Amino acid sequence: MKILIIEDEAKTAAYLVSGLNEAGYTADWAANCIDGLHLAREENYDLILLDVMLPEMNGWTVMERLRAHSQTPVLFLSARGTLEDRLRGLGLGADEYLVKPFSFAELLARIRIILRRGQPQAEAEEVLTMADLLVDVAKFRCEREGKRITLTNKEFKLLVCFLQHPGQVLSRTFLASRVWDMNFDSDTNVVDVAVRRLRQKVDDPFPVRLIHTVHGVGYRCEPES
């Protein structure tokens, strides 16, 4: 497994590289965002560890640029630990957000969870369909009208959750717990932002809408009647 570390503090980066190598991973380090984005485009990584406070551009901007061309899982590492910061990172498409200082044991546990998420579960239903939408869980593949749709990890997981509960009204709290493995306050909009981005990909380009808002409650997924 190859991991890219985008971190400007040399001491922290050396600590991460050494620990990851000892744990059996191959770790590359980029000391700035330009080099980090270049490596992310040129190499095939299984995970990216991304600092928020970087020179030249912050981690939020790096995350946006990464998602423009890559769906590689991202784990934010940051001293900025407010709920607003964590929700912002997750809302941009990150898979996890770990606040500094952290124990290396916890970091390894988070890494294993993220990498395990990308592996299909034996008991999971492999192919989910609705109308002209097809989702192959094992292959991490989504198609509509035979056209391939590229989704982030969170978008894919959110869509699978919808398809596993066809016609049911799913609350934002339920979706947050299933997709992000966290309990979000009811006044946050992370779920709404994720649903909006998912709609832009699986609904907006097609005549029949599948994802519907149930005002004051949550969302329902079924072909538009």
Foldseek 3Di string as FASTA:
>chain_A
DEEEEAAQDPVVVVVVCVVQVVVPYHYDYDNALVVRLVCLVVDDGQEYEAEQDGPPHGRLVSLLVCVVPDQRAYEYEYQPDDPVVQLSVVLSQHQYYHHPPDDVVVVVVVVVVSSVLLADDPPDDQWFDADQWIAGSRVRWIDGPNHTFDDHQLLSQLVVVQRVPAFDFDFPQRSCCRRNVDGDDPPDCSSVSSVVVSCVTPPPVDDWHFWDADPPGHIHGHTDD
